[in-house]
Amino acid sequence: MTLFLAMLAKLFPLYATMGSGFLLSRAFGNMSKTLAQIQIYLISPVIVLTNMMKLDYSADLLMMPLILGTLCLSISFVTNYVANKAGSDYAPLLAQASGAANLGYLGIPVAAILFPDHFIPVYILTLVGGLIYESSVGYYWIARGKYTPLDAVKSLFRIPLIYALALGLFLNALGLVIPQMWEGVVRDFMGAYIVLGALIVGLGLAQNKKLTLNFKVLGTMLGIKFLVWPVAVIALLALLRLTPFAPPAQYEPIFMLMSVLPLAANTAALASLLNVHPDEAATAVALSTVLSLAIIPAYVLFFGLSHG
């Protein structure tokens, strides 16, 4: 219990910032769109670009986004198949949500708290696999009947992070490094990302003024997120260790952390935009985020993920 409380205290500033975003939104209205635009079009690309320039990458590291993307696809396809076989009207929502997680706004700050600095570029490289899933197949699941698979693929080219990633790896391959005079600015951008990301999560939670307690749907979504995902990651990593495609052992904790992050905020946003059970989606995202306050520290201790 003492260790759990110590881990909770370590993450408390992040959760407090989320709470501040919640209170600000309730007091002054929804400010998340402007902050999200700043995050998506300025801060996030700078973070990705600079971290890719720092990355000492190799073939085994480049397998990491592929492994994560494969997990996202596999779990979402199985969920889609089972939900459709059961005749569930919630199949599009369940399929999309099952393969997505809050890897960025919440995941990067948690990773920055738990892991040493050299893990962060690898974490960011890995989350690209989840980003590609969310922007292609995940987008298609929830938009079926309204958009074509080609439209979903085209959406990838509207994501600034993809270009920042490619440019960062290209500059890395050329041997270019970040000038010393910019190192402080880069650290400031990372700090801004952590603060704004937590605020955006809190602002998003504040918009869920109506809770729709469909316990069957909630139980399914939370069960997949907090039970199926960790088991699937453990099983896949054990299997990959028997093959030449295993990720570097020192970076396996990245997958373990990603497996216990809450549902993606984009799940609620897409469900609202496309009117696909938006109330149930918003409730599930809000509940999973609140539950993560206890679940993440518990899993971190259970898996031994924290490095100091």
Protein backbone atom coordinates (compact mmCIF):
# COMPACT_ATOMS: atom_id res chain seq x y z
CA MET A 1 0.00 0.00 0.00
CA THR A 2 2.87 2.36 0.81
CA LEU A 3 4.42 1.75 -2.63
CA PHE A 4 1.05 2.34 -4.32
CA LEU A 5 0.61 5.67 -2.52
CA ALA A 6 4.17 6.66 -3.42
CA MET A 7 3.46 5.97 -7.10
CA LEU A 8 0.16 7.83 -6.88
CA ALA A 9 2.00 10.82 -5.38
CA LYS A 10 4.49 10.69 -8.23
CA LEU A 11 1.65 11.00 -10.75
CA PHE A 12 -0.41 13.45 -8.67
CA PRO A 13 0.84 16.67 -10.38
CA LEU A 14 -0.34 15.29 -13.71
CA TYR A 15 -3.76 14.38 -12.32
CA ALA A 16 -3.98 17.77 -10.57
CA THR A 17 -3.40 19.48 -13.92
CA MET A 18 -6.19 17.39 -15.44
CA GLY A 19 -8.42 18.47 -12.58
CA SER A 20 -7.52 22.10 -13.21
CA GLY A 21 -8.59 21.70 -16.84
CA PHE A 22 -11.89 20.25 -15.67
CA LEU A 23 -12.54 23.18 -13.31
CA LEU A 24 -11.47 25.78 -15.88
CA SER A 25 -13.87 24.35 -18.44
CA ARG A 26 -16.76 24.38 -15.98
CA ALA A 27 -15.96 27.98 -14.99
CA PHE A 28 -15.16 29.55 -18.38
CA GLY A 29 -16.57 27.19 -21.00
CA ASN A 30 -14.94 24.82 -23.44
CA MET A 31 -11.44 25.97 -24.41
CA SER A 32 -10.21 22.58 -25.61
CA LYS A 33 -10.47 23.29 -29.36
CA THR A 34 -7.95 26.14 -29.31
CA LEU A 35 -5.55 24.29 -27.01
CA ALA A 36 -5.86 21.15 -29.11
CA GLN A 37 -5.04 23.08 -32.28
CA ILE A 38 -1.92 24.53 -30.66
CA GLN A 39 -0.97 21.04 -29.48
CA ILE A 40 -1.66 19.30 -32.79
CA TYR A 41 -0.20 21.85 -35.21
CA LEU A 42 2.73 23.29 -33.24
CA ILE A 43 3.82 21.60 -30.03
CA SER A 44 3.30 17.95 -30.99
CA PRO A 45 5.18 18.19 -34.32
CA VAL A 46 8.12 19.93 -32.59
CA ILE A 47 8.21 17.21 -29.90
CA VAL A 48 8.11 14.42 -32.49
CA LEU A 49 10.66 16.08 -34.80
CA THR A 50 13.22 16.75 -32.06
CA ASN A 51 12.82 13.34 -30.43
CA MET A 52 13.25 11.57 -33.76
CA MET A 53 16.46 13.55 -34.28
CA LYS A 54 17.71 12.30 -30.91
CA LEU A 55 16.73 8.68 -31.52
CA ASP A 56 19.54 6.18 -31.99
CA TYR A 57 17.35 3.90 -34.06
CA SER A 58 17.88 0.49 -35.61
CA ALA A 59 15.79 -2.19 -37.31
CA ASP A 60 14.59 -3.64 -34.00
CA LEU A 61 13.38 -0.22 -32.84
CA LEU A 62 11.53 0.33 -36.11
CA MET A 63 9.64 -2.90 -35.31
CA MET A 64 8.04 -1.23 -32.27
CA PRO A 65 5.38 0.87 -34.06
CA LEU A 66 4.66 -2.15 -36.25
CA ILE A 67 4.12 -4.32 -33.17
CA LEU A 68 1.79 -1.76 -31.58
CA GLY A 69 -0.12 -1.25 -34.83
CA THR A 70 -0.54 -5.01 -35.18
CA LEU A 71 -1.93 -5.21 -31.65
CA CYS A 72 -4.37 -2.37 -32.31
CA LEU A 73 -5.56 -3.97 -35.54
CA SER A 74 -5.82 -7.50 -34.12
CA ILE A 75 -7.81 -6.54 -31.04
CA SER A 76 -10.12 -4.26 -33.02
CA PHE A 77 -10.76 -6.89 -35.72
CA VAL A 78 -11.58 -9.55 -33.12
CA THR A 79 -13.85 -7.11 -31.26
CA ASN A 80 -15.59 -6.13 -34.50
CA TYR A 81 -16.13 -9.78 -35.44
CA VAL A 82 -17.52 -10.79 -32.05
CA ALA A 83 -19.73 -7.70 -31.73
CA ASN A 84 -21.21 -8.23 -35.20
CA LYS A 85 -21.75 -11.94 -34.54
CA ALA A 86 -23.63 -10.96 -31.39
CA GLY A 87 -25.71 -8.51 -33.43
CA SER A 88 -24.63 -5.54 -31.32
CA ASP A 89 -25.63 -2.08 -32.51
CA TYR A 90 -22.49 -0.85 -30.78
CA ALA A 91 -20.09 -2.81 -33.02
CA PRO A 92 -18.62 0.30 -34.76
CA LEU A 93 -17.94 2.03 -31.44
CA LEU A 94 -16.58 -1.10 -29.74
CA ALA A 95 -14.30 -1.91 -32.69
CA GLN A 96 -12.79 1.57 -32.81
CA ALA A 97 -12.39 1.97 -29.05
CA SER A 98 -10.87 -1.47 -28.53
CA GLY A 99 -7.80 -0.64 -30.60
CA ALA A 100 -7.20 2.91 -29.37
CA ALA A 101 -5.82 4.45 -26.19
CA ASN A 102 -4.81 7.86 -24.87
CA LEU A 103 -1.19 7.34 -25.94
CA GLY A 104 -0.36 10.99 -26.48
CA TYR A 105 -2.01 13.55 -24.21
CA LEU A 106 -1.90 11.22 -21.20
CA GLY A 107 0.61 8.58 -22.28
CA ILE A 108 3.57 10.86 -23.02
CA PRO A 109 3.35 12.74 -19.70
CA VAL A 110 3.04 9.46 -17.76
CA ALA A 111 5.98 8.00 -19.69
CA ALA A 112 8.03 11.15 -18.97
CA ILE A 113 7.34 10.68 -15.25
CA LEU A 114 8.00 6.94 -15.12
CA PHE A 115 10.81 6.34 -17.60
CA PRO A 116 14.33 7.73 -18.10
CA ASP A 117 14.79 10.43 -20.74
CA HIS A 118 16.17 8.11 -23.42
CA PHE A 119 12.90 6.13 -23.39
CA ILE A 120 10.82 9.09 -24.60
CA PRO A 121 11.97 9.14 -28.27
CA VAL A 122 11.33 5.37 -28.41
CA TYR A 123 7.90 5.83 -26.80
CA ILE A 124 7.01 8.49 -29.38
CA LEU A 125 8.23 6.31 -32.25
CA THR A 126 6.13 3.41 -30.93
CA LEU A 127 2.92 5.41 -30.56
CA VAL A 128 3.01 6.12 -34.30
CA GLY A 129 1.66 2.59 -34.76
CA GLY A 130 -1.37 3.50 -32.67
CA LEU A 131 -1.75 6.84 -34.42
CA ILE A 132 -1.85 5.18 -37.84
CA TYR A 133 -4.47 2.70 -36.58
CA GLU A 134 -6.67 5.48 -35.16
CA SER A 135 -6.43 7.54 -38.34
CA SER A 136 -7.12 4.70 -40.76
CA VAL A 137 -8.84 1.48 -39.66
CA GLY A 138 -10.04 2.93 -36.35
CA TYR A 139 -11.54 5.92 -38.17
CA TYR A 140 -13.15 3.59 -40.69
CA TRP A 141 -14.74 1.36 -38.04
CA ILE A 142 -16.70 4.18 -36.47
CA ALA A 143 -17.46 5.93 -39.76
CA ARG A 144 -18.71 2.89 -41.68
CA GLY A 145 -21.58 3.75 -44.01
CA LYS A 146 -20.54 7.41 -44.06
CA TYR A 147 -16.97 7.26 -45.37
CA THR A 148 -15.04 4.88 -47.58
CA PRO A 149 -11.81 3.08 -46.65
CA LEU A 150 -10.03 5.39 -49.13
CA ASP A 151 -11.27 8.45 -47.23
CA ALA A 152 -9.89 6.94 -44.04
CA VAL A 153 -6.49 6.39 -45.63
CA LYS A 154 -6.51 9.95 -47.01
CA SER A 155 -7.02 11.22 -43.47
CA LEU A 156 -3.49 10.05 -42.65
CA PHE A 157 -2.06 12.78 -44.88
CA ARG A 158 -3.75 15.45 -42.79
CA ILE A 159 -1.82 14.52 -39.64
CA PRO A 160 1.14 16.86 -39.01
CA LEU A 161 2.86 14.27 -36.81
CA ILE A 162 3.43 11.97 -39.77
CA TYR A 163 5.43 14.66 -41.58
CA ALA A 164 7.31 15.60 -38.40
CA LEU A 165 8.20 11.94 -37.86
CA ALA A 166 9.47 11.48 -41.43
CA LEU A 167 11.46 14.73 -41.35
CA GLY A 168 12.96 13.88 -37.96
CA LEU A 169 14.13 10.44 -39.11
CA PHE A 170 15.50 11.96 -42.33
CA LEU A 171 17.51 14.60 -40.44
CA ASN A 172 18.66 11.88 -38.05
CA ALA A 173 19.90 9.79 -40.99
CA LEU A 174 21.84 12.83 -42.24
CA GLY A 175 23.57 13.02 -38.86
CA LEU A 176 22.14 16.42 -37.96
CA VAL A 177 21.74 17.20 -34.27
CA ILE A 178 19.75 19.81 -32.39
CA PRO A 179 21.91 22.92 -31.83
CA GLN A 180 22.89 23.42 -28.22
CA MET A 181 21.19 26.83 -28.15
CA TRP A 182 17.84 25.13 -28.90
CA GLU A 183 18.07 22.43 -26.22
CA GLY A 184 16.38 24.65 -23.64
CA VAL A 185 13.55 25.49 -26.04
CA VAL A 186 13.03 21.78 -26.77
CA ARG A 187 12.73 21.07 -23.03
CA ASP A 188 10.22 23.92 -22.75
CA PHE A 189 8.15 22.42 -25.56
CA MET A 190 8.07 19.06 -23.76
CA GLY A 191 6.93 20.80 -20.58
CA ALA A 192 4.24 22.64 -22.54
CA TYR A 193 3.10 19.37 -24.13
CA ILE A 194 2.71 17.71 -20.72
CA VAL A 195 0.77 20.63 -19.21
CA LEU A 196 -1.45 21.27 -22.24
CA GLY A 197 -2.08 17.57 -22.78
CA ALA A 198 -3.28 17.11 -19.19
CA LEU A 199 -5.40 20.26 -19.43
CA ILE A 200 -7.00 19.04 -22.67
CA VAL A 201 -7.92 15.72 -21.03
CA GLY A 202 -9.52 17.60 -18.11
CA LEU A 203 -11.31 20.01 -20.44
CA GLY A 204 -12.67 17.06 -22.39
CA LEU A 205 -13.98 15.37 -19.25
CA ALA A 206 -15.83 18.55 -18.29
CA GLN A 207 -17.86 18.41 -21.51
CA ASN A 208 -19.44 15.10 -20.50
CA LYS A 209 -22.40 16.64 -18.72
CA LYS A 210 -24.59 13.59 -19.29
CA LEU A 211 -23.52 10.13 -18.14
CA THR A 212 -25.15 7.23 -19.99
CA LEU A 213 -24.69 4.12 -17.87
CA ASN A 214 -25.10 1.26 -20.30
CA PHE A 215 -23.33 -1.26 -18.10
CA LYS A 216 -22.99 -3.91 -20.80
CA VAL A 217 -21.25 -1.52 -23.20
CA LEU A 218 -19.20 0.10 -20.44
CA GLY A 219 -18.14 -3.27 -19.07
CA THR A 220 -17.10 -4.46 -22.52
CA MET A 221 -15.06 -1.35 -23.34
CA LEU A 222 -13.34 -1.16 -19.95
CA GLY A 223 -12.74 -4.92 -19.86
CA ILE A 224 -11.00 -4.84 -23.25
CA LYS A 225 -8.95 -1.79 -22.24
CA PHE A 226 -7.78 -2.83 -18.79
CA LEU A 227 -7.85 -6.65 -18.97
CA VAL A 228 -7.61 -7.87 -22.58
CA TRP A 229 -4.91 -5.39 -23.58
CA PRO A 230 -2.41 -6.22 -20.78
CA VAL A 231 -2.90 -9.97 -21.32
CA ALA A 232 -2.50 -9.58 -25.10
CA VAL A 233 0.70 -7.56 -24.68
CA ILE A 234 2.19 -10.06 -22.24
CA ALA A 235 1.34 -12.96 -24.57
CA LEU A 236 2.67 -11.23 -27.69
CA LEU A 237 5.94 -10.18 -26.06
CA ALA A 238 6.46 -13.74 -24.79
CA LEU A 239 5.85 -15.06 -28.30
CA LEU A 240 8.11 -12.51 -29.97
CA ARG A 241 11.00 -13.40 -27.66
CA LEU A 242 11.08 -16.76 -29.44
CA THR A 243 11.51 -15.07 -32.82
CA PRO A 244 13.99 -12.68 -34.49
CA PHE A 245 11.32 -9.93 -34.32
CA ALA A 246 11.43 -9.32 -30.57
CA PRO A 247 11.68 -5.66 -29.55
CA PRO A 248 14.67 -4.67 -27.38
CA ALA A 249 14.01 -6.11 -23.92
CA GLN A 250 14.80 -2.82 -22.20
CA TYR A 251 11.91 -1.14 -24.04
CA GLU A 252 9.25 -3.76 -23.32
CA PRO A 253 7.91 -1.59 -20.43
CA ILE A 254 6.73 0.89 -23.07
CA PHE A 255 4.26 -1.68 -24.39
CA MET A 256 3.19 -2.58 -20.86
CA LEU A 257 2.43 1.06 -20.05
CA MET A 258 0.56 1.57 -23.32
CA SER A 259 -1.58 -1.48 -22.56
CA VAL A 260 -3.06 0.09 -19.42
CA LEU A 261 -3.66 3.66 -20.59
CA PRO A 262 -7.34 4.71 -20.68
CA LEU A 263 -9.58 4.92 -23.71
CA ALA A 264 -8.62 7.48 -26.34
CA ALA A 265 -10.18 10.93 -26.07
CA ASN A 266 -10.59 10.78 -29.85
CA THR A 267 -13.10 7.96 -29.40
CA ALA A 268 -15.55 10.35 -27.76
CA ALA A 269 -14.74 13.10 -30.27
CA LEU A 270 -15.35 10.86 -33.29
CA ALA A 271 -18.50 9.35 -31.80
CA SER A 272 -19.89 12.85 -31.23
CA LEU A 273 -18.86 14.10 -34.67
CA LEU A 274 -20.43 11.13 -36.47
CA ASN A 275 -23.31 10.63 -34.01
CA VAL A 276 -22.34 7.02 -33.23
CA HIS A 277 -23.58 6.45 -29.66
CA PRO A 278 -21.89 9.67 -28.47
CA ASP A 279 -23.27 9.56 -24.90
CA GLU A 280 -22.02 6.02 -24.28
CA ALA A 281 -18.64 6.87 -25.83
CA ALA A 282 -18.21 10.01 -23.71
CA THR A 283 -19.17 8.16 -20.54
CA ALA A 284 -16.75 5.29 -21.25
CA VAL A 285 -13.85 7.66 -21.99
CA ALA A 286 -14.56 9.73 -18.88
CA LEU A 287 -14.91 6.67 -16.65
CA SER A 288 -11.77 4.98 -17.99
CA THR A 289 -9.78 8.20 -17.47
CA VAL A 290 -10.98 8.56 -13.87
CA LEU A 291 -10.34 4.87 -13.16
CA SER A 292 -6.83 5.25 -14.58
CA LEU A 293 -5.94 7.40 -11.56
CA ALA A 294 -5.79 4.18 -9.56
CA ILE A 295 -5.30 1.60 -12.31
CA ILE A 296 -2.10 3.05 -13.82
CA PRO A 297 -0.20 3.22 -10.48
CA ALA A 298 -1.42 -0.29 -9.62
CA TYR A 299 -0.26 -1.76 -12.93
CA VAL A 300 2.99 0.22 -12.82
CA LEU A 301 3.83 -1.39 -9.49
CA PHE A 302 2.61 -4.81 -10.60
CA PHE A 303 4.73 -4.77 -13.77
CA GLY A 304 7.64 -2.92 -12.13
CA LEU A 305 7.61 -0.22 -14.79
CA SER A 306 8.90 2.77 -12.83
CA HIS A 307 12.60 3.62 -13.15
CA GLY A 308 13.08 5.53 -9.90
